Amino acid sequence: MKVIVTGATGFLGSHLVEGLLKKDFSVKCLVRNPKKLKWLEKTPVEIVCGDCSDKKSLESAVENTDCVFHSAGLVRAVKSDELYLTNVEGTKNLIEAVFEKNPKIKRFVYISSQAASGPAEAGCSPRLQSGVSEANRKSEDEPSNPVSHYGFSKLLGELEVLKFREKLPVTILRPPSIYGPRDKDIFVFFNYAKKGFLPIPSDEKFINISYVSDIVDGIISAALKDTANGQTYFIGDAQVFSWRDLCEVLKKTVNPKARIIKTPYFVFWTSAFFSEIIARIKNKPALVSFDKLNEMKQKSWLFSSAKAKSDFGYLPEISLEEGIKITYNWYLKNGWL
């Protein structure tokens, strides 16, 4: 099967490319700059130049392709308009190009985000890791309530895809926060741990977080199952973790002497304030932004993966402890820490 991956030079996209190659797919990668291939340089893929903001550049790229994996997108930006331009207009351009140039495609997979759905109702208590019922987890049929520009832009991207649900075989996937080798977001917490401190919100909050290979497995499995046609899924490790749970594992793996520090909200707000000022001066996205702060403030980011398990046998394999250890060793080997 011949497939094309957008966002292939990024963290998730590059791992998806490797996962597809391991399963003997013929892979094309849509890239904006063929001189900046990052993790693709030693992989047996076909490089196709194109940009999702330019519909004309996509037309030849999507021809003679069995499946499109659309993982390209912005997680953060200097201005919120950039999020909508890339995550909404870029998605619109791509699926329109597929419909016009390759209407008999076998599957169009849009990799959205848990942020598009928004947080779950805050109904679980501390230490209820194995006892949180499905009622405390968000399911795919519940209304979406994104709390950030990023989440809203991904939701609007989903709506662009759903416009073609009766015309093309489409699947939408909503992974949670993802970590693993090459990731630069969760890496910040590894760096904190290495330095000896781990700041967490002063009130208990709950999250789902997944190792990258488990997300890749879910993406590929969903693309191959007829039952996933026209459907939206949460994929990822549905085990419940608090911020403290995550930091305890980081501490154990990275630096047993690190201190976990409960941090008042105003400290995170101040960090976001100065981070955004510096970002605007440098014209680069802020790692700690008010947009991300709105997501962090939420009590519960929990979802149910029961639908994915039922429809295509989705079952994550990498525990948090194992995934953190693999990721930490990669950071060490590659000189990130």
C-alpha atoms as a PDB file:
ATOM      1  CA  MET A   1       0.000   0.000   0.000  1.00  0.00           C
ATOM      2  CA  LYS A   2       1.307   3.443  -0.937  1.00  0.00           C
ATOM      3  CA  VAL A   3       0.716   6.183   1.617  1.00  0.00           C
ATOM      4  CA  ILE A   4       1.623   9.819   2.121  1.00  0.00           C
ATOM      5  CA  VAL A   5       2.403  11.429   5.473  1.00  0.00           C
ATOM      6  CA  THR A   6       2.196  15.152   6.158  1.00  0.00           C
ATOM      7  CA  GLY A   7       4.187  16.550   9.051  1.00  0.00           C
ATOM      8  CA  ALA A   8       6.695  13.766   8.538  1.00  0.00           C
ATOM      9  CA  THR A   9       9.655  15.830   9.747  1.00  0.00           C
ATOM     10  CA  GLY A  10       7.987  16.413  13.117  1.00  0.00           C
ATOM     11  CA  PHE A  11       7.982  14.374  16.301  1.00  0.00           C
ATOM     12  CA  LEU A  12       4.865  12.245  15.765  1.00  0.00           C
ATOM     13  CA  GLY A  13       5.091  12.271  11.973  1.00  0.00           C
ATOM     14  CA  SER A  14       8.625  10.889  11.898  1.00  0.00           C
ATOM     15  CA  HIS A  15       7.694   8.059  14.259  1.00  0.00           C
ATOM     16  CA  LEU A  16       4.631   7.335  12.122  1.00  0.00           C
ATOM     17  CA  VAL A  17       6.850   7.073   9.033  1.00  0.00           C
ATOM     18  CA  GLU A  18       9.088   4.563  10.804  1.00  0.00           C
ATOM     19  CA  GLY A  19       6.061   2.555  11.966  1.00  0.00           C
ATOM     20  CA  LEU A  20       4.684   2.410   8.439  1.00  0.00           C
ATOM     21  CA  LEU A  21       8.024   1.323   6.992  1.00  0.00           C
ATOM     22  CA  LYS A  22       8.250  -1.504   9.543  1.00  0.00           C
ATOM     23  CA  LYS A  23       4.937  -2.774   8.213  1.00  0.00           C
ATOM     24  CA  ASP A  24       6.211  -2.600   4.609  1.00  0.00           C
ATOM     25  CA  PHE A  25       4.169   0.386   3.454  1.00  0.00           C
ATOM     26  CA  SER A  26       5.541   2.441   0.565  1.00  0.00           C
ATOM     27  CA  VAL A  27       5.835   5.900   2.088  1.00  0.00           C
ATOM     28  CA  LYS A  28       5.814   9.366   0.553  1.00  0.00           C
ATOM     29  CA  CYS A  29       6.537  12.333   2.824  1.00  0.00           C
ATOM     30  CA  LEU A  30       5.169  15.788   2.125  1.00  0.00           C
ATOM     31  CA  VAL A  31       7.795  18.332   3.185  1.00  0.00           C
ATOM     32  CA  ARG A  32       8.102  22.069   2.722  1.00  0.00           C
ATOM     33  CA  ASN A  33      11.891  22.182   2.547  1.00  0.00           C
ATOM     34  CA  PRO A  34      13.725  19.097   1.195  1.00  0.00           C
ATOM     35  CA  LYS A  35      16.958  20.407   2.753  1.00  0.00           C
ATOM     36  CA  LYS A  36      15.502  20.125   6.256  1.00  0.00           C
ATOM     37  CA  LEU A  37      14.540  16.482   6.605  1.00  0.00           C
ATOM     38  CA  LYS A  38      15.492  16.086  10.283  1.00  0.00           C
ATOM     39  CA  TRP A  39      14.679  12.466  11.179  1.00  0.00           C
ATOM     40  CA  LEU A  40      13.977  11.328   7.602  1.00  0.00           C
ATOM     41  CA  GLU A  41      17.484  11.522   6.150  1.00  0.00           C
ATOM     42  CA  LYS A  42      18.295   7.810   6.459  1.00  0.00           C
ATOM     43  CA  THR A  43      14.829   6.423   5.760  1.00  0.00           C
ATOM     44  CA  PRO A  44      13.786   4.808   2.440  1.00  0.00           C
ATOM     45  CA  VAL A  45      10.985   7.244   1.660  1.00  0.00           C
ATOM     46  CA  GLU A  46       9.967   9.349  -1.315  1.00  0.00           C
ATOM     47  CA  ILE A  47      10.211  13.062  -0.593  1.00  0.00           C
ATOM     48  CA  VAL A  48       7.507  15.234  -2.144  1.00  0.00           C
ATOM     49  CA  CYS A  49       7.677  19.013  -1.873  1.00  0.00           C
ATOM     50  CA  GLY A  50       4.487  20.760  -0.899  1.00  0.00           C
ATOM     51  CA  ASP A  51       2.818  22.989   1.665  1.00  0.00           C
ATOM     52  CA  CYS A  52      -0.680  22.541   3.066  1.00  0.00           C
ATOM     53  CA  SER A  53      -1.174  26.302   2.867  1.00  0.00           C
ATOM     54  CA  ASP A  54      -0.779  26.036  -0.920  1.00  0.00           C
ATOM     55  CA  LYS A  55      -3.481  23.779  -2.362  1.00  0.00           C
ATOM     56  CA  LYS A  56      -1.915  23.695  -5.822  1.00  0.00           C
ATOM     57  CA  SER A  57       1.283  22.167  -4.395  1.00  0.00           C
ATOM     58  CA  LEU A  58      -0.727  19.273  -2.935  1.00  0.00           C
ATOM     59  CA  GLU A  59      -2.496  18.090  -6.058  1.00  0.00           C
ATOM     60  CA  SER A  60       0.235  15.943  -7.596  1.00  0.00           C
ATOM     61  CA  ALA A  61       1.398  14.769  -4.160  1.00  0.00           C
ATOM     62  CA  VAL A  62      -1.900  13.057  -3.303  1.00  0.00           C
ATOM     63  CA  GLU A  63      -2.323  11.322  -6.650  1.00  0.00           C
ATOM     64  CA  ASN A  64      -1.620   7.573  -6.897  1.00  0.00           C
ATOM     65  CA  THR A  65      -1.819   7.218  -3.127  1.00  0.00           C
ATOM     66  CA  ASP A  66      -3.896   4.690  -1.181  1.00  0.00           C
ATOM     67  CA  CYS A  67      -3.942   6.509   2.132  1.00  0.00           C
ATOM     68  CA  VAL A  68      -3.223   9.982   3.513  1.00  0.00           C
ATOM     69  CA  PHE A  69      -2.021  10.442   7.087  1.00  0.00           C
ATOM     70  CA  HIS A  70      -2.419  14.119   7.927  1.00  0.00           C
ATOM     71  CA  SER A  71      -0.245  14.790  10.975  1.00  0.00           C
ATOM     72  CA  ALA A  72       1.009  18.245   9.969  1.00  0.00           C
ATOM     73  CA  GLY A  73      -0.098  21.087  12.190  1.00  0.00           C
ATOM     74  CA  LEU A  74       0.920  23.767  14.642  1.00  0.00           C
ATOM     75  CA  VAL A  75       0.761  23.170  18.387  1.00  0.00           C
ATOM     76  CA  ARG A  76       1.766  26.724  19.259  1.00  0.00           C
ATOM     77  CA  ALA A  77       2.312  29.959  17.364  1.00  0.00           C
ATOM     78  CA  VAL A  78       3.335  33.564  17.886  1.00  0.00           C
ATOM     79  CA  LYS A  79      -0.193  34.668  16.902  1.00  0.00           C
ATOM     80  CA  SER A  80      -3.352  32.580  17.178  1.00  0.00           C
ATOM     81  CA  ASP A  81      -4.208  33.347  13.532  1.00  0.00           C
ATOM     82  CA  GLU A  82      -1.302  31.121  12.515  1.00  0.00           C
ATOM     83  CA  LEU A  83      -2.913  28.156  14.286  1.00  0.00           C
ATOM     84  CA  TYR A  84      -6.109  28.568  12.292  1.00  0.00           C
ATOM     85  CA  LEU A  85      -4.288  29.119   9.003  1.00  0.00           C
ATOM     86  CA  THR A  86      -2.321  25.882   9.379  1.00  0.00           C
ATOM     87  CA  ASN A  87      -4.690  23.598  11.284  1.00  0.00           C
ATOM     88  CA  VAL A  88      -7.923  24.631   9.575  1.00  0.00           C
ATOM     89  CA  GLU A  89      -7.101  26.049   6.148  1.00  0.00           C
ATOM     90  CA  GLY A  90      -4.246  23.591   5.662  1.00  0.00           C
ATOM     91  CA  THR A  91      -6.543  20.653   6.411  1.00  0.00           C
ATOM     92  CA  LYS A  92      -9.231  22.081   4.142  1.00  0.00           C
ATOM     93  CA  ASN A  93      -6.745  22.423   1.286  1.00  0.00           C
ATOM     94  CA  LEU A  94      -5.457  18.892   1.708  1.00  0.00           C
ATOM     95  CA  ILE A  95      -8.775  17.072   1.812  1.00  0.00           C
ATOM     96  CA  GLU A  96     -10.118  19.130  -1.096  1.00  0.00           C
ATOM     97  CA  ALA A  97      -7.030  18.192  -3.107  1.00  0.00           C
ATOM     98  CA  VAL A  98      -7.610  14.525  -2.276  1.00  0.00           C
ATOM     99  CA  PHE A  99     -11.266  14.717  -3.320  1.00  0.00           C
ATOM    100  CA  GLU A 100     -10.425  16.434  -6.588  1.00  0.00           C
ATOM    101  CA  LYS A 101      -7.351  14.398  -7.570  1.00  0.00           C
ATOM    102  CA  ASN A 102      -7.752  11.062  -5.790  1.00  0.00           C
ATOM    103  CA  PRO A 103     -11.461  10.478  -4.970  1.00  0.00           C
ATOM    104  CA  LYS A 104     -11.007   6.683  -4.805  1.00  0.00           C
ATOM    105  CA  ILE A 105      -8.524   6.857  -1.958  1.00  0.00           C
ATOM    106  CA  LYS A 106      -8.845   4.059   0.611  1.00  0.00           C
ATOM    107  CA  ARG A 107      -8.560   6.266   3.703  1.00  0.00           C
ATOM    108  CA  PHE A 108      -7.885   9.826   4.835  1.00  0.00           C
ATOM    109  CA  VAL A 109      -6.678   9.846   8.452  1.00  0.00           C
ATOM    110  CA  TYR A 110      -6.736  13.173  10.253  1.00  0.00           C
ATOM    111  CA  ILE A 111      -4.629  13.234  13.408  1.00  0.00           C
ATOM    112  CA  SER A 112      -6.431  15.710  15.595  1.00  0.00           C
ATOM    113  CA  SER A 113      -5.987  16.096  19.360  1.00  0.00           C
ATOM    114  CA  GLN A 114      -7.693  15.488  22.676  1.00  0.00           C
ATOM    115  CA  ALA A 115      -7.588  19.294  22.956  1.00  0.00           C
ATOM    116  CA  ALA A 116     -10.204  19.484  20.175  1.00  0.00           C
ATOM    117  CA  SER A 117     -12.678  17.697  22.424  1.00  0.00           C
ATOM    118  CA  GLY A 118     -11.755  19.620  25.550  1.00  0.00           C
ATOM    119  CA  PRO A 119     -11.483  18.496  29.177  1.00  0.00           C
ATOM    120  CA  ALA A 120     -13.707  15.933  30.848  1.00  0.00           C
ATOM    121  CA  GLU A 121     -16.039  16.712  33.707  1.00  0.00           C
ATOM    122  CA  ALA A 122     -14.017  16.904  36.931  1.00  0.00           C
ATOM    123  CA  GLY A 123     -15.431  13.916  38.742  1.00  0.00           C
ATOM    124  CA  CYS A 124     -12.524  11.859  40.025  1.00  0.00           C
ATOM    125  CA  SER A 125     -10.686  12.079  43.308  1.00  0.00           C
ATOM    126  CA  PRO A 126      -6.952  11.804  44.118  1.00  0.00           C
ATOM    127  CA  ARG A 127      -5.449   8.299  44.071  1.00  0.00           C
ATOM    128  CA  LEU A 128      -8.394   6.755  42.200  1.00  0.00           C
ATOM    129  CA  GLN A 129      -6.107   5.606  39.402  1.00  0.00           C
ATOM    130  CA  SER A 130      -7.647   2.194  38.847  1.00  0.00           C
ATOM    131  CA  GLY A 131     -11.102   3.112  40.066  1.00  0.00           C
ATOM    132  CA  VAL A 132     -12.115   5.949  37.762  1.00  0.00           C
ATOM    133  CA  SER A 133     -15.284   4.844  36.023  1.00  0.00           C
ATOM    134  CA  GLU A 134     -16.112   5.387  32.363  1.00  0.00           C
ATOM    135  CA  ALA A 135     -18.524   8.074  33.556  1.00  0.00           C
ATOM    136  CA  ASN A 136     -15.539  10.209  34.570  1.00  0.00           C
ATOM    137  CA  ARG A 137     -13.948   9.895  31.134  1.00  0.00           C
ATOM    138  CA  LYS A 138     -14.926  11.764  28.015  1.00  0.00           C
ATOM    139  CA  SER A 139     -16.265   9.767  25.087  1.00  0.00           C
ATOM    140  CA  GLU A 140     -16.378  10.617  21.398  1.00  0.00           C
ATOM    141  CA  ASP A 141     -20.119  11.320  21.333  1.00  0.00           C
ATOM    142  CA  GLU A 142     -19.975  14.045  23.987  1.00  0.00           C
ATOM    143  CA  PRO A 143     -20.016  17.726  22.920  1.00  0.00           C
ATOM    144  CA  SER A 144     -16.621  19.301  22.255  1.00  0.00           C
ATOM    145  CA  ASN A 145     -15.546  22.182  24.479  1.00  0.00           C
ATOM    146  CA  PRO A 146     -11.988  23.214  23.590  1.00  0.00           C
ATOM    147  CA  VAL A 147     -10.401  25.686  26.003  1.00  0.00           C
ATOM    148  CA  SER A 148      -7.521  26.904  23.835  1.00  0.00           C
ATOM    149  CA  HIS A 149      -6.982  28.360  20.386  1.00  0.00           C
ATOM    150  CA  TYR A 150      -5.008  25.234  19.558  1.00  0.00           C
ATOM    151  CA  GLY A 151      -7.887  22.957  20.565  1.00  0.00           C
ATOM    152  CA  PHE A 152     -10.440  25.042  18.716  1.00  0.00           C
ATOM    153  CA  SER A 153      -8.299  25.096  15.557  1.00  0.00           C
ATOM    154  CA  LYS A 154      -8.016  21.294  15.638  1.00  0.00           C
ATOM    155  CA  LEU A 155     -11.777  20.991  16.127  1.00  0.00           C
ATOM    156  CA  LEU A 156     -12.387  23.217  13.106  1.00  0.00           C
ATOM    157  CA  GLY A 157      -9.935  21.018  11.192  1.00  0.00           C
ATOM    158  CA  GLU A 158     -12.070  18.012  12.141  1.00  0.00           C
ATOM    159  CA  LEU A 159     -15.155  19.760  10.789  1.00  0.00           C
ATOM    160  CA  GLU A 160     -13.398  20.348   7.457  1.00  0.00           C
ATOM    161  CA  VAL A 161     -12.710  16.623   7.248  1.00  0.00           C
ATOM    162  CA  LEU A 162     -16.267  15.675   8.227  1.00  0.00           C
ATOM    163  CA  LYS A 163     -17.629  17.717   5.337  1.00  0.00           C
ATOM    164  CA  PHE A 164     -16.304  14.922   3.117  1.00  0.00           C
ATOM    165  CA  ARG A 165     -17.507  11.983   5.227  1.00  0.00           C
ATOM    166  CA  GLU A 166     -20.100  11.024   2.601  1.00  0.00           C
ATOM    167  CA  LYS A 167     -17.626  11.467  -0.252  1.00  0.00           C
ATOM    168  CA  LEU A 168     -14.367   9.992   1.092  1.00  0.00           C
ATOM    169  CA  PRO A 169     -13.431   7.313   3.642  1.00  0.00           C
ATOM    170  CA  VAL A 170     -12.210   9.453   6.543  1.00  0.00           C
ATOM    171  CA  THR A 171     -11.112   8.717  10.107  1.00  0.00           C
ATOM    172  CA  ILE A 172     -10.375  11.256  12.852  1.00  0.00           C
ATOM    173  CA  LEU A 173      -8.071  10.404  15.752  1.00  0.00           C
ATOM    174  CA  ARG A 174      -7.676  12.337  19.010  1.00  0.00           C
ATOM    175  CA  PRO A 175      -4.486  11.422  20.888  1.00  0.00           C
ATOM    176  CA  PRO A 176      -3.661  13.024  24.271  1.00  0.00           C
ATOM    177  CA  SER A 177      -0.274  14.479  25.222  1.00  0.00           C
ATOM    178  CA  ILE A 178       2.416  12.340  23.608  1.00  0.00           C
ATOM    179  CA  TYR A 179       5.976  11.782  24.760  1.00  0.00           C
ATOM    180  CA  GLY A 180       8.959   9.802  23.511  1.00  0.00           C
ATOM    181  CA  PRO A 181      12.302  10.237  21.745  1.00  0.00           C
ATOM    182  CA  ARG A 182      12.547  13.523  19.769  1.00  0.00           C
ATOM    183  CA  ASP A 183       9.757  15.225  21.717  1.00  0.00           C
ATOM    184  CA  LYS A 184      10.509  18.794  22.787  1.00  0.00           C
ATOM    185  CA  ASP A 185       7.423  19.493  24.922  1.00  0.00           C
ATOM    186  CA  ILE A 186       7.488  16.862  27.682  1.00  0.00           C
ATOM    187  CA  PHE A 187      11.286  17.157  27.463  1.00  0.00           C
ATOM    188  CA  VAL A 188      10.966  20.312  29.556  1.00  0.00           C
ATOM    189  CA  PHE A 189       9.958  18.179  32.559  1.00  0.00           C
ATOM    190  CA  PHE A 190      12.944  15.855  32.052  1.00  0.00           C
ATOM    191  CA  ASN A 191      15.130  18.946  32.085  1.00  0.00           C
ATOM    192  CA  TYR A 192      13.528  20.217  35.288  1.00  0.00           C
ATOM    193  CA  ALA A 193      14.026  16.839  36.951  1.00  0.00           C
ATOM    194  CA  LYS A 194      17.670  16.792  35.917  1.00  0.00           C
ATOM    195  CA  LYS A 195      18.106  20.214  37.536  1.00  0.00           C
ATOM    196  CA  GLY A 196      16.542  18.977  40.764  1.00  0.00           C
ATOM    197  CA  PHE A 197      13.002  20.339  40.858  1.00  0.00           C
ATOM    198  CA  LEU A 198       9.626  19.555  39.329  1.00  0.00           C
ATOM    199  CA  PRO A 199       6.892  22.205  39.542  1.00  0.00           C
ATOM    200  CA  ILE A 200       3.299  20.953  39.628  1.00  0.00           C
ATOM    201  CA  PRO A 201      -0.034  22.771  40.067  1.00  0.00           C
ATOM    202  CA  SER A 202      -0.977  23.272  43.712  1.00  0.00           C
ATOM    203  CA  ASP A 203      -4.331  21.504  43.206  1.00  0.00           C
ATOM    204  CA  GLU A 204      -4.661  17.900  42.018  1.00  0.00           C
ATOM    205  CA  LYS A 205      -5.210  17.506  38.289  1.00  0.00           C
ATOM    206  CA  PHE A 206      -5.586  14.387  36.164  1.00  0.00           C
ATOM    207  CA  ILE A 207      -4.330  13.558  32.688  1.00  0.00           C
ATOM    208  CA  ASN A 208      -3.923  10.827  30.115  1.00  0.00           C
ATOM    209  CA  ILE A 209      -0.492  10.682  28.509  1.00  0.00           C
ATOM    210  CA  SER A 210       0.814   8.221  25.925  1.00  0.00           C
ATOM    211  CA  TYR A 211       4.094   6.905  24.577  1.00  0.00           C
ATOM    212  CA  VAL A 212       4.564   7.680  20.897  1.00  0.00           C
ATOM    213  CA  SER A 213       4.734   4.092  19.589  1.00  0.00           C
ATOM    214  CA  ASP A 214       1.320   3.333  21.102  1.00  0.00           C
ATOM    215  CA  ILE A 215      -0.138   6.297  19.218  1.00  0.00           C
ATOM    216  CA  VAL A 216       1.518   5.183  15.980  1.00  0.00           C
ATOM    217  CA  ASP A 217       0.091   1.682  16.367  1.00  0.00           C
ATOM    218  CA  GLY A 218      -3.378   3.165  16.853  1.00  0.00           C
ATOM    219  CA  ILE A 219      -3.080   5.386  13.784  1.00  0.00           C
ATOM    220  CA  ILE A 220      -2.070   2.512  11.524  1.00  0.00           C
ATOM    221  CA  SER A 221      -4.659   0.104  12.948  1.00  0.00           C
ATOM    222  CA  ALA A 222      -7.467   2.622  12.457  1.00  0.00           C
ATOM    223  CA  ALA A 223      -6.418   3.226   8.844  1.00  0.00           C
ATOM    224  CA  LEU A 224      -6.659  -0.462   8.006  1.00  0.00           C
ATOM    225  CA  LYS A 225     -10.067  -1.211   9.544  1.00  0.00           C
ATOM    226  CA  ASP A 226     -13.298  -0.710   7.616  1.00  0.00           C
ATOM    227  CA  THR A 227     -15.123  -0.205  10.907  1.00  0.00           C
ATOM    228  CA  ALA A 228     -13.153   3.019  11.452  1.00  0.00           C
ATOM    229  CA  ASN A 229     -14.455   4.613   8.260  1.00  0.00           C
ATOM    230  CA  GLY A 230     -16.343   7.816   9.046  1.00  0.00           C
ATOM    231  CA  GLN A 231     -15.541   7.580  12.752  1.00  0.00           C
ATOM    232  CA  THR A 232     -13.795   9.691  15.397  1.00  0.00           C
ATOM    233  CA  TYR A 233     -11.708   8.053  18.135  1.00  0.00           C
ATOM    234  CA  PHE A 234      -9.725   8.823  21.233  1.00  0.00           C
ATOM    235  CA  ILE A 235      -6.522   6.784  21.106  1.00  0.00           C
ATOM    236  CA  GLY A 236      -3.846   6.487  23.759  1.00  0.00           C
ATOM    237  CA  ASP A 237      -3.173   5.116  27.201  1.00  0.00           C
ATOM    238  CA  ALA A 238      -6.406   5.588  29.160  1.00  0.00           C
ATOM    239  CA  GLN A 239      -4.741   4.987  32.520  1.00  0.00           C
ATOM    240  CA  VAL A 240      -5.287   7.890  34.881  1.00  0.00           C
ATOM    241  CA  PHE A 241      -2.316   9.887  36.144  1.00  0.00           C
ATOM    242  CA  SER A 242      -2.104  12.963  38.292  1.00  0.00           C
ATOM    243  CA  TRP A 243       0.650  15.507  37.687  1.00  0.00           C
ATOM    244  CA  ARG A 244       2.300  14.172  40.838  1.00  0.00           C
ATOM    245  CA  ASP A 245       2.205  10.605  39.491  1.00  0.00           C
ATOM    246  CA  LEU A 246       3.991  11.726  36.336  1.00  0.00           C
ATOM    247  CA  CYS A 247       6.606  13.651  38.301  1.00  0.00           C
ATOM    248  CA  GLU A 248       7.191  10.747  40.680  1.00  0.00           C
ATOM    249  CA  VAL A 249       8.076   8.522  37.721  1.00  0.00           C
ATOM    250  CA  LEU A 250      10.320  11.231  36.267  1.00  0.00           C
ATOM    251  CA  LYS A 251      12.008  11.686  39.614  1.00  0.00           C
ATOM    252  CA  LYS A 252      12.615   7.960  40.023  1.00  0.00           C
ATOM    253  CA  THR A 253      14.096   7.659  36.520  1.00  0.00           C
ATOM    254  CA  VAL A 254      15.955  10.928  36.046  1.00  0.00           C
ATOM    255  CA  ASN A 255      16.968  12.236  39.469  1.00  0.00           C
ATOM    256  CA  PRO A 256      15.831  10.644  42.760  1.00  0.00           C
ATOM    257  CA  LYS A 257      16.956  13.777  44.597  1.00  0.00           C
ATOM    258  CA  ALA A 258      14.652  16.095  42.645  1.00  0.00           C
ATOM    259  CA  ARG A 259      11.992  17.900  44.640  1.00  0.00           C
ATOM    260  CA  ILE A 260       8.355  17.999  43.562  1.00  0.00           C
ATOM    261  CA  ILE A 261       7.150  21.509  44.318  1.00  0.00           C
ATOM    262  CA  LYS A 262       3.492  22.505  44.470  1.00  0.00           C
ATOM    263  CA  THR A 263       3.373  25.791  42.606  1.00  0.00           C
ATOM    264  CA  PRO A 264       0.642  28.472  42.835  1.00  0.00           C
ATOM    265  CA  TYR A 265      -1.165  29.382  39.639  1.00  0.00           C
ATOM    266  CA  PHE A 266       0.209  32.934  39.589  1.00  0.00           C
ATOM    267  CA  VAL A 267       3.738  31.547  39.146  1.00  0.00           C
ATOM    268  CA  PHE A 268       2.701  29.738  35.966  1.00  0.00           C
ATOM    269  CA  TRP A 269       0.823  32.880  34.853  1.00  0.00           C
ATOM    270  CA  THR A 270       3.932  35.008  35.391  1.00  0.00           C
ATOM    271  CA  SER A 271       6.030  32.489  33.478  1.00  0.00           C
ATOM    272  CA  ALA A 272       3.577  32.579  30.568  1.00  0.00           C
ATOM    273  CA  PHE A 273       3.508  36.390  30.637  1.00  0.00           C
ATOM    274  CA  PHE A 274       7.262  36.789  30.256  1.00  0.00           C
ATOM    275  CA  SER A 275       7.536  33.820  27.901  1.00  0.00           C
ATOM    276  CA  GLU A 276       5.069  35.426  25.504  1.00  0.00           C
ATOM    277  CA  ILE A 277       6.863  38.788  25.636  1.00  0.00           C
ATOM    278  CA  ILE A 278      10.191  37.142  24.801  1.00  0.00           C
ATOM    279  CA  ALA A 279       8.521  35.054  22.084  1.00  0.00           C
ATOM    280  CA  ARG A 280       7.120  38.132  20.376  1.00  0.00           C
ATOM    281  CA  ILE A 281      10.506  39.838  20.485  1.00  0.00           C
ATOM    282  CA  LYS A 282      12.164  36.774  18.938  1.00  0.00           C
ATOM    283  CA  ASN A 283       9.160  36.090  16.690  1.00  0.00           C
ATOM    284  CA  LYS A 284       9.071  32.492  17.886  1.00  0.00           C
ATOM    285  CA  PRO A 285       6.215  30.625  19.620  1.00  0.00           C
ATOM    286  CA  ALA A 286       6.286  30.611  23.419  1.00  0.00           C
ATOM    287  CA  LEU A 287       6.754  27.188  24.993  1.00  0.00           C
ATOM    288  CA  VAL A 288       4.767  28.378  28.025  1.00  0.00           C
ATOM    289  CA  SER A 289       1.862  30.416  26.657  1.00  0.00           C
ATOM    290  CA  PHE A 290      -1.508  31.568  27.968  1.00  0.00           C
ATOM    291  CA  ASP A 291      -3.090  29.204  25.452  1.00  0.00           C
ATOM    292  CA  LYS A 292      -1.315  26.227  27.009  1.00  0.00           C
ATOM    293  CA  LEU A 293      -1.972  27.632  30.468  1.00  0.00           C
ATOM    294  CA  ASN A 294      -5.720  27.466  29.781  1.00  0.00           C
ATOM    295  CA  GLU A 295      -5.317  23.750  29.083  1.00  0.00           C
ATOM    296  CA  MET A 296      -3.177  23.183  32.174  1.00  0.00           C
ATOM    297  CA  LYS A 297      -5.760  24.848  34.434  1.00  0.00           C
ATOM    298  CA  GLN A 298      -8.351  22.155  33.720  1.00  0.00           C
ATOM    299  CA  LYS A 299      -9.034  19.600  36.431  1.00  0.00           C
ATOM    300  CA  SER A 300      -9.421  16.533  34.255  1.00  0.00           C
ATOM    301  CA  TRP A 301      -8.109  15.519  30.830  1.00  0.00           C
ATOM    302  CA  LEU A 302      -9.461  11.973  30.805  1.00  0.00           C
ATOM    303  CA  PHE A 303     -10.955  10.018  27.929  1.00  0.00           C
ATOM    304  CA  SER A 304     -12.275   6.553  27.188  1.00  0.00           C
ATOM    305  CA  SER A 305     -10.574   4.467  24.505  1.00  0.00           C
ATOM    306  CA  ALA A 306     -13.321   1.813  24.648  1.00  0.00           C
ATOM    307  CA  LYS A 307     -14.579   2.645  21.150  1.00  0.00           C
ATOM    308  CA  ALA A 308     -11.119   2.215  19.600  1.00  0.00           C
ATOM    309  CA  LYS A 309     -10.642  -1.059  21.460  1.00  0.00           C
ATOM    310  CA  SER A 310     -13.994  -2.345  20.218  1.00  0.00           C
ATOM    311  CA  ASP A 311     -13.662  -1.209  16.602  1.00  0.00           C
ATOM    312  CA  PHE A 312     -10.034  -2.059  15.829  1.00  0.00           C
ATOM    313  CA  GLY A 313      -8.603  -3.823  18.875  1.00  0.00           C
ATOM    314  CA  TYR A 314      -6.613  -0.861  20.122  1.00  0.00           C
ATOM    315  CA  LEU A 315      -4.552  -1.679  23.204  1.00  0.00           C
ATOM    316  CA  PRO A 316      -1.535   0.409  24.296  1.00  0.00           C
ATOM    317  CA  GLU A 317       1.491  -1.631  25.385  1.00  0.00           C
ATOM    318  CA  ILE A 318       4.075   0.770  26.852  1.00  0.00           C
ATOM    319  CA  SER A 319       3.686   1.646  30.537  1.00  0.00           C
ATOM    320  CA  LEU A 320       4.547   5.126  31.781  1.00  0.00           C
ATOM    321  CA  GLU A 321       7.582   3.768  33.652  1.00  0.00           C
ATOM    322  CA  GLU A 322       8.913   1.973  30.573  1.00  0.00           C
ATOM    323  CA  GLY A 323       8.215   4.874  28.228  1.00  0.00           C
ATOM    324  CA  ILE A 324       9.874   7.428  30.510  1.00  0.00           C
ATOM    325  CA  LYS A 325      12.961   5.212  30.804  1.00  0.00           C
ATOM    326  CA  ILE A 326      13.255   4.742  27.021  1.00  0.00           C
ATOM    327  CA  THR A 327      12.795   8.464  26.434  1.00  0.00           C
ATOM    328  CA  TYR A 328      15.294   9.475  29.107  1.00  0.00           C
ATOM    329  CA  ASN A 329      17.953   7.160  27.700  1.00  0.00           C
ATOM    330  CA  TRP A 330      17.364   8.635  24.224  1.00  0.00           C
ATOM    331  CA  TYR A 331      17.809  12.173  25.544  1.00  0.00           C
ATOM    332  CA  LEU A 332      21.054  11.136  27.220  1.00  0.00           C
ATOM    333  CA  LYS A 333      22.396   9.343  24.157  1.00  0.00           C
ATOM    334  CA  ASN A 334      21.622  12.295  21.899  1.00  0.00           C
ATOM    335  CA  GLY A 335      23.018  14.936  24.222  1.00  0.00           C
ATOM    336  CA  TRP A 336      19.751  16.650  25.050  1.00  0.00           C
ATOM    337  CA  LEU A 337      20.367  16.370  28.799  1.00  0.00           C
END
